[in-house]
N, C-alpha and C. Protein backbone atom coordinates (compact mmCIF):
# COMPACT_ATOMS: atom_id res chain seq x y z
N MET A 1 80.37 -52.82 -1.58
CA MET A 1 79.12 -53.11 -2.20
C MET A 1 78.15 -53.56 -1.11
N LYS A 2 77.08 -52.81 -0.95
CA LYS A 2 76.10 -53.12 0.09
C LYS A 2 75.04 -54.06 -0.48
N ARG A 3 74.77 -55.10 0.25
CA ARG A 3 73.79 -56.08 -0.20
C ARG A 3 72.53 -55.95 0.64
N ASN A 4 71.42 -56.20 0.01
CA ASN A 4 70.14 -56.10 0.69
C ASN A 4 69.57 -57.47 0.99
N SER A 5 70.36 -58.33 1.54
CA SER A 5 69.93 -59.67 1.86
C SER A 5 69.66 -59.78 3.35
N ARG A 6 68.62 -60.50 3.68
CA ARG A 6 68.32 -60.69 5.10
C ARG A 6 69.03 -61.92 5.66
N TYR A 7 69.76 -62.61 4.81
CA TYR A 7 70.45 -63.82 5.22
C TYR A 7 71.94 -63.56 5.47
N PRO A 8 72.55 -64.37 6.37
CA PRO A 8 73.99 -64.22 6.59
C PRO A 8 74.78 -64.84 5.44
N THR A 9 76.04 -64.50 5.34
CA THR A 9 76.89 -65.09 4.31
C THR A 9 77.32 -66.49 4.77
N GLN A 10 77.86 -67.26 3.83
CA GLN A 10 78.36 -68.59 4.18
C GLN A 10 79.52 -68.47 5.17
N LEU A 11 80.35 -67.46 5.00
CA LEU A 11 81.47 -67.26 5.92
C LEU A 11 80.97 -66.97 7.32
N MET A 12 79.91 -66.17 7.43
CA MET A 12 79.36 -65.85 8.75
C MET A 12 78.81 -67.12 9.42
N LEU A 13 78.19 -68.00 8.64
CA LEU A 13 77.71 -69.26 9.21
C LEU A 13 78.87 -70.10 9.72
N LEU A 14 79.96 -70.13 8.97
CA LEU A 14 81.14 -70.89 9.39
C LEU A 14 81.74 -70.30 10.67
N ILE A 15 81.79 -68.97 10.75
CA ILE A 15 82.31 -68.32 11.95
C ILE A 15 81.42 -68.63 13.15
N ARG A 16 80.11 -68.63 12.95
CA ARG A 16 79.19 -68.97 14.05
C ARG A 16 79.44 -70.38 14.57
N VAL A 17 79.64 -71.31 13.64
CA VAL A 17 79.90 -72.70 14.05
C VAL A 17 81.22 -72.79 14.82
N ALA A 18 82.25 -72.08 14.34
CA ALA A 18 83.56 -72.12 15.01
C ALA A 18 83.48 -71.52 16.41
N VAL A 19 82.81 -70.38 16.55
CA VAL A 19 82.70 -69.74 17.86
C VAL A 19 81.87 -70.62 18.80
N SER A 20 80.81 -71.23 18.28
CA SER A 20 79.99 -72.12 19.12
C SER A 20 80.77 -73.34 19.55
N GLY A 21 81.62 -73.85 18.67
CA GLY A 21 82.50 -74.97 19.03
C GLY A 21 83.44 -74.58 20.16
N TYR A 22 83.93 -73.35 20.11
CA TYR A 22 84.81 -72.86 21.18
C TYR A 22 84.05 -72.72 22.49
N VAL A 23 82.81 -72.27 22.43
CA VAL A 23 81.98 -72.16 23.64
C VAL A 23 81.75 -73.55 24.25
N LEU A 24 81.51 -74.54 23.39
CA LEU A 24 81.36 -75.91 23.89
C LEU A 24 82.67 -76.42 24.50
N TYR A 25 83.79 -76.06 23.89
CA TYR A 25 85.09 -76.45 24.46
C TYR A 25 85.29 -75.81 25.83
N LEU A 26 84.89 -74.53 25.98
CA LEU A 26 84.99 -73.87 27.28
C LEU A 26 84.13 -74.57 28.33
N ALA A 27 82.93 -74.98 27.91
CA ALA A 27 82.06 -75.70 28.83
C ALA A 27 82.70 -77.02 29.26
N TYR A 28 83.31 -77.73 28.32
CA TYR A 28 83.98 -78.98 28.64
C TYR A 28 85.14 -78.74 29.59
N THR A 29 85.93 -77.69 29.36
CA THR A 29 87.07 -77.40 30.23
C THR A 29 86.62 -77.03 31.63
N LEU A 30 85.55 -76.25 31.73
CA LEU A 30 85.02 -75.92 33.06
C LEU A 30 84.54 -77.18 33.78
N PHE A 31 83.91 -78.08 33.04
CA PHE A 31 83.42 -79.32 33.65
C PHE A 31 84.59 -80.20 34.10
N ARG A 32 85.61 -80.29 33.24
CA ARG A 32 86.76 -81.14 33.54
C ARG A 32 87.53 -80.62 34.76
N ASP A 33 87.64 -79.30 34.90
CA ASP A 33 88.40 -78.72 36.00
C ASP A 33 87.51 -78.22 37.14
N ARG A 34 86.35 -78.79 37.29
CA ARG A 34 85.40 -78.30 38.30
C ARG A 34 85.89 -78.51 39.73
N ASP A 35 86.68 -79.53 39.98
CA ASP A 35 87.15 -79.80 41.33
C ASP A 35 88.32 -78.89 41.72
N SER A 36 89.10 -78.45 40.76
CA SER A 36 90.28 -77.65 41.09
C SER A 36 89.95 -76.17 41.32
N SER A 37 88.82 -75.71 40.80
CA SER A 37 88.48 -74.29 41.02
C SER A 37 87.52 -74.20 42.21
N THR A 38 87.94 -73.49 43.22
CA THR A 38 87.12 -73.33 44.42
C THR A 38 86.54 -71.94 44.54
N SER A 39 86.86 -71.06 43.61
CA SER A 39 86.39 -69.69 43.71
C SER A 39 84.94 -69.52 43.25
N MET A 40 84.38 -70.52 42.57
CA MET A 40 83.03 -70.41 42.05
C MET A 40 82.12 -71.40 42.77
N PRO A 41 80.96 -70.95 43.22
CA PRO A 41 80.01 -71.88 43.85
C PRO A 41 79.55 -72.94 42.84
N ALA A 42 79.20 -74.08 43.35
CA ALA A 42 78.81 -75.21 42.49
C ALA A 42 77.58 -74.88 41.66
N TRP A 43 76.60 -74.18 42.24
CA TRP A 43 75.39 -73.86 41.48
C TRP A 43 75.68 -72.92 40.32
N ALA A 44 76.63 -72.00 40.50
CA ALA A 44 77.00 -71.08 39.43
C ALA A 44 77.71 -71.82 38.30
N LEU A 45 78.56 -72.77 38.66
CA LEU A 45 79.25 -73.57 37.67
C LEU A 45 78.27 -74.38 36.84
N VAL A 46 77.31 -75.01 37.50
CA VAL A 46 76.30 -75.80 36.80
C VAL A 46 75.48 -74.91 35.88
N LEU A 47 75.11 -73.73 36.36
CA LEU A 47 74.32 -72.80 35.55
C LEU A 47 75.09 -72.36 34.31
N ILE A 48 76.36 -72.03 34.47
CA ILE A 48 77.18 -71.61 33.34
C ILE A 48 77.38 -72.75 32.35
N LEU A 49 77.62 -73.96 32.87
CA LEU A 49 77.78 -75.11 31.98
C LEU A 49 76.52 -75.35 31.14
N ILE A 50 75.38 -75.33 31.79
CA ILE A 50 74.11 -75.55 31.07
C ILE A 50 73.90 -74.45 30.03
N LEU A 51 74.16 -73.21 30.41
CA LEU A 51 74.00 -72.09 29.49
C LEU A 51 74.94 -72.21 28.29
N PHE A 52 76.20 -72.52 28.52
CA PHE A 52 77.17 -72.67 27.44
C PHE A 52 76.78 -73.79 26.49
N VAL A 53 76.35 -74.91 27.03
CA VAL A 53 75.98 -76.06 26.19
C VAL A 53 74.74 -75.74 25.36
N ILE A 54 73.73 -75.14 25.97
CA ILE A 54 72.50 -74.82 25.23
C ILE A 54 72.79 -73.82 24.12
N ILE A 55 73.53 -72.77 24.43
CA ILE A 55 73.84 -71.75 23.41
C ILE A 55 74.73 -72.34 22.32
N GLY A 56 75.76 -73.06 22.70
CA GLY A 56 76.68 -73.64 21.71
C GLY A 56 75.99 -74.60 20.76
N VAL A 57 75.24 -75.53 21.30
CA VAL A 57 74.53 -76.51 20.47
C VAL A 57 73.45 -75.81 19.64
N GLY A 58 72.74 -74.88 20.25
CA GLY A 58 71.66 -74.18 19.54
C GLY A 58 72.17 -73.40 18.34
N VAL A 59 73.26 -72.68 18.50
CA VAL A 59 73.80 -71.89 17.39
C VAL A 59 74.35 -72.81 16.30
N ILE A 60 74.99 -73.90 16.68
CA ILE A 60 75.51 -74.84 15.68
C ILE A 60 74.35 -75.46 14.89
N VAL A 61 73.32 -75.92 15.58
CA VAL A 61 72.18 -76.54 14.90
C VAL A 61 71.50 -75.52 13.98
N HIS A 62 71.31 -74.30 14.45
CA HIS A 62 70.66 -73.27 13.63
C HIS A 62 71.51 -72.92 12.40
N SER A 63 72.80 -72.80 12.56
CA SER A 63 73.67 -72.46 11.44
C SER A 63 73.71 -73.58 10.40
N VAL A 64 73.77 -74.82 10.86
CA VAL A 64 73.76 -75.96 9.94
C VAL A 64 72.41 -76.04 9.22
N TYR A 65 71.33 -75.77 9.93
CA TYR A 65 69.99 -75.75 9.32
C TYR A 65 69.92 -74.69 8.21
N LEU A 66 70.43 -73.48 8.50
CA LEU A 66 70.42 -72.41 7.50
C LEU A 66 71.25 -72.80 6.28
N TYR A 67 72.40 -73.41 6.52
CA TYR A 67 73.27 -73.79 5.41
C TYR A 67 72.64 -74.88 4.55
N LEU A 68 72.10 -75.90 5.19
CA LEU A 68 71.52 -77.01 4.43
C LEU A 68 70.28 -76.61 3.64
N ASN A 69 69.56 -75.61 4.11
CA ASN A 69 68.36 -75.16 3.40
C ASN A 69 68.63 -73.99 2.46
N GLY A 70 69.89 -73.63 2.27
CA GLY A 70 70.25 -72.57 1.35
C GLY A 70 69.84 -71.19 1.82
N MET A 71 69.68 -71.03 3.12
CA MET A 71 69.24 -69.76 3.68
C MET A 71 70.44 -68.90 4.05
N TYR A 72 71.29 -68.67 3.08
CA TYR A 72 72.44 -67.79 3.24
C TYR A 72 72.49 -66.89 2.03
N GLU A 73 73.26 -65.82 2.11
CA GLU A 73 73.33 -64.85 1.03
C GLU A 73 73.82 -65.52 -0.24
N GLY A 74 72.98 -65.47 -1.26
CA GLY A 74 73.30 -66.12 -2.53
C GLY A 74 72.82 -67.56 -2.60
N GLY A 75 72.22 -68.07 -1.55
CA GLY A 75 71.72 -69.43 -1.54
C GLY A 75 70.40 -69.55 -2.28
N LYS A 76 69.88 -70.76 -2.32
CA LYS A 76 68.65 -70.98 -3.09
C LYS A 76 67.43 -70.29 -2.48
N ALA A 77 67.47 -69.96 -1.19
CA ALA A 77 66.33 -69.30 -0.56
C ALA A 77 66.43 -67.78 -0.61
N ASP A 78 67.56 -67.24 -1.05
CA ASP A 78 67.77 -65.79 -1.08
C ASP A 78 67.18 -65.23 -2.36
N ILE A 79 66.08 -64.48 -2.23
CA ILE A 79 65.42 -63.93 -3.42
C ILE A 79 65.97 -62.56 -3.78
N SER A 80 66.93 -62.05 -3.04
CA SER A 80 67.50 -60.74 -3.37
C SER A 80 68.60 -60.84 -4.41
N VAL A 81 68.91 -62.06 -4.87
CA VAL A 81 69.91 -62.26 -5.90
C VAL A 81 69.34 -61.75 -7.22
N GLU A 82 70.15 -61.05 -8.00
CA GLU A 82 69.67 -60.49 -9.26
C GLU A 82 69.41 -61.59 -10.28
N ASP A 83 68.32 -61.40 -11.04
CA ASP A 83 68.00 -62.30 -12.14
C ASP A 83 68.91 -62.00 -13.32
N GLU A 84 68.75 -62.79 -14.39
CA GLU A 84 69.54 -62.54 -15.57
C GLU A 84 69.16 -61.24 -16.26
N ASP A 85 67.95 -60.72 -16.03
CA ASP A 85 67.55 -59.45 -16.63
C ASP A 85 67.94 -58.26 -15.76
N GLY A 86 68.68 -58.49 -14.66
CA GLY A 86 69.17 -57.40 -13.83
C GLY A 86 68.21 -56.96 -12.74
N GLN A 87 67.07 -57.60 -12.64
CA GLN A 87 66.09 -57.24 -11.62
C GLN A 87 66.36 -58.04 -10.35
N ALA A 88 66.27 -57.39 -9.22
CA ALA A 88 66.46 -58.09 -7.95
C ALA A 88 65.18 -58.82 -7.59
N GLY A 89 65.31 -59.97 -6.97
CA GLY A 89 64.15 -60.72 -6.52
C GLY A 89 63.62 -61.63 -7.60
N ALA A 90 62.56 -62.31 -7.25
CA ALA A 90 61.94 -63.25 -8.17
C ALA A 90 61.15 -62.50 -9.23
N SER A 91 61.18 -62.98 -10.45
CA SER A 91 60.43 -62.33 -11.51
C SER A 91 58.99 -62.82 -11.51
N ASP A 92 58.13 -62.13 -12.28
CA ASP A 92 56.74 -62.53 -12.36
C ASP A 92 56.59 -63.91 -12.98
N LYS A 93 57.51 -64.26 -13.90
CA LYS A 93 57.44 -65.58 -14.52
C LYS A 93 57.68 -66.67 -13.48
N ASP A 94 58.61 -66.42 -12.55
CA ASP A 94 58.94 -67.42 -11.54
C ASP A 94 57.82 -67.61 -10.52
N THR A 95 57.18 -66.52 -10.12
CA THR A 95 56.18 -66.60 -9.06
C THR A 95 54.79 -66.86 -9.58
N GLY A 96 54.58 -66.67 -10.89
CA GLY A 96 53.25 -66.85 -11.45
C GLY A 96 52.35 -65.65 -11.19
N ALA A 97 52.90 -64.56 -10.67
CA ALA A 97 52.10 -63.38 -10.37
C ALA A 97 51.81 -62.62 -11.66
N LYS A 98 50.62 -62.03 -11.73
CA LYS A 98 50.25 -61.22 -12.88
C LYS A 98 49.90 -59.84 -12.39
N GLU A 99 50.24 -58.83 -13.20
CA GLU A 99 49.95 -57.47 -12.83
C GLU A 99 48.47 -57.18 -13.06
N ASP A 100 47.89 -56.48 -12.13
CA ASP A 100 46.50 -56.08 -12.24
C ASP A 100 46.42 -54.86 -13.16
N PRO A 101 45.60 -54.90 -14.22
CA PRO A 101 45.53 -53.77 -15.15
C PRO A 101 45.10 -52.47 -14.47
N ASP A 102 44.20 -52.56 -13.49
CA ASP A 102 43.76 -51.35 -12.80
C ASP A 102 44.90 -50.71 -12.03
N THR A 103 45.71 -51.54 -11.39
CA THR A 103 46.85 -51.02 -10.64
C THR A 103 47.86 -50.38 -11.57
N VAL A 104 48.09 -51.01 -12.73
CA VAL A 104 49.03 -50.46 -13.70
C VAL A 104 48.52 -49.11 -14.19
N ASN A 105 47.22 -49.00 -14.47
CA ASN A 105 46.66 -47.73 -14.95
C ASN A 105 46.74 -46.65 -13.88
N GLU A 106 46.45 -47.02 -12.63
CA GLU A 106 46.54 -46.05 -11.54
C GLU A 106 47.97 -45.57 -11.34
N THR A 107 48.90 -46.49 -11.41
CA THR A 107 50.30 -46.14 -11.26
C THR A 107 50.74 -45.21 -12.39
N ALA A 108 50.33 -45.52 -13.60
CA ALA A 108 50.69 -44.67 -14.74
C ALA A 108 50.08 -43.28 -14.59
N ALA A 109 48.83 -43.20 -14.11
CA ALA A 109 48.19 -41.90 -13.92
C ALA A 109 48.92 -41.08 -12.86
N ILE A 110 49.35 -41.72 -11.79
CA ILE A 110 50.08 -41.02 -10.74
C ILE A 110 51.43 -40.53 -11.27
N GLU A 111 52.12 -41.38 -12.03
CA GLU A 111 53.40 -40.97 -12.60
C GLU A 111 53.22 -39.79 -13.55
N ASP A 112 52.17 -39.83 -14.37
CA ASP A 112 51.90 -38.72 -15.28
C ASP A 112 51.61 -37.44 -14.52
N ALA A 113 50.85 -37.56 -13.44
CA ALA A 113 50.52 -36.37 -12.66
C ALA A 113 51.76 -35.76 -12.02
N ILE A 114 52.68 -36.61 -11.62
CA ILE A 114 53.90 -36.11 -10.99
C ILE A 114 54.86 -35.55 -12.03
N LEU A 115 55.06 -36.26 -13.11
CA LEU A 115 56.05 -35.87 -14.10
C LEU A 115 55.56 -34.78 -15.05
N ASN A 116 54.30 -34.82 -15.40
CA ASN A 116 53.77 -33.88 -16.39
C ASN A 116 52.93 -32.81 -15.72
N THR A 117 53.58 -31.92 -15.02
CA THR A 117 52.86 -30.80 -14.42
C THR A 117 52.51 -29.82 -15.51
N ASP A 118 51.61 -28.92 -15.21
CA ASP A 118 51.18 -27.97 -16.24
C ASP A 118 52.22 -26.90 -16.52
N GLY A 119 53.29 -26.88 -15.78
CA GLY A 119 54.38 -25.95 -16.04
C GLY A 119 54.18 -24.59 -15.40
N ALA A 120 53.12 -24.42 -14.63
CA ALA A 120 52.85 -23.12 -14.03
C ALA A 120 53.93 -22.73 -13.04
N GLU A 121 54.39 -23.68 -12.25
CA GLU A 121 55.42 -23.36 -11.28
C GLU A 121 56.71 -22.94 -11.99
N ASP A 122 57.04 -23.64 -13.08
CA ASP A 122 58.26 -23.33 -13.81
C ASP A 122 58.17 -21.96 -14.45
N ALA A 123 57.00 -21.62 -14.99
CA ALA A 123 56.83 -20.32 -15.63
C ALA A 123 56.97 -19.18 -14.63
N GLU A 124 56.37 -19.35 -13.46
CA GLU A 124 56.48 -18.32 -12.43
C GLU A 124 57.93 -18.16 -11.99
N PHE A 125 58.63 -19.25 -11.83
CA PHE A 125 60.03 -19.19 -11.42
C PHE A 125 60.86 -18.49 -12.47
N THR A 126 60.58 -18.76 -13.74
CA THR A 126 61.33 -18.14 -14.82
C THR A 126 61.08 -16.64 -14.86
N GLU A 127 59.80 -16.22 -14.63
CA GLU A 127 59.48 -14.80 -14.64
C GLU A 127 60.22 -14.08 -13.52
N VAL A 128 60.25 -14.65 -12.34
CA VAL A 128 60.93 -14.04 -11.21
C VAL A 128 62.42 -13.96 -11.50
N GLU A 129 62.96 -14.98 -12.08
CA GLU A 129 64.38 -15.01 -12.40
C GLU A 129 64.73 -13.93 -13.43
N GLU A 130 63.85 -13.75 -14.42
CA GLU A 130 64.10 -12.71 -15.45
C GLU A 130 64.02 -11.32 -14.86
N LYS A 131 63.08 -11.08 -13.93
CA LYS A 131 62.94 -9.77 -13.31
C LYS A 131 64.18 -9.40 -12.48
N GLU A 132 64.78 -10.39 -11.85
CA GLU A 132 65.95 -10.14 -11.02
C GLU A 132 67.15 -9.74 -11.87
N GLN A 133 67.21 -10.19 -13.09
CA GLN A 133 68.36 -9.89 -13.96
C GLN A 133 68.13 -8.57 -14.59
C-alpha cells in the first residue's frame, strides 16, 4: 500500500534516533582511543569527531522535534490521513474554506465539454468500421 505522506513513519524516526546514537557512540570511541591510533593525523580526528557529534545530535534533535509535534505519518500534522468520509486531506468543514460558485460552474462546464461531445468522432469511427466489414 503506497502512502502519499510527506512525513516519515514513527518507526523511521526511531531508526534515525538509534543510528544517530550509534554515530555518537563512534565519536566517543574515537575520542577515547585517540592516543592509541597513530595512523590518523590529529586535525583529521578532530574534524571527524566534530562532524559526528554535530550530525548525531542534529538528527536526534530533529527526529524528536518531529515526533513531539506529530509530524510523522498518521500524526496530528499529517493531512494526508483519510477522513471519515473517505476523502484524503482536510475537509472544507475543518479548514473553513468555501467553494467559489464561479469556479464550480467553470469546472462543470469543462467536464461537460469533455464528457458530452457531439458524437461526431464516434459516428465517423462507426461508419469506417461498418465499411470495413
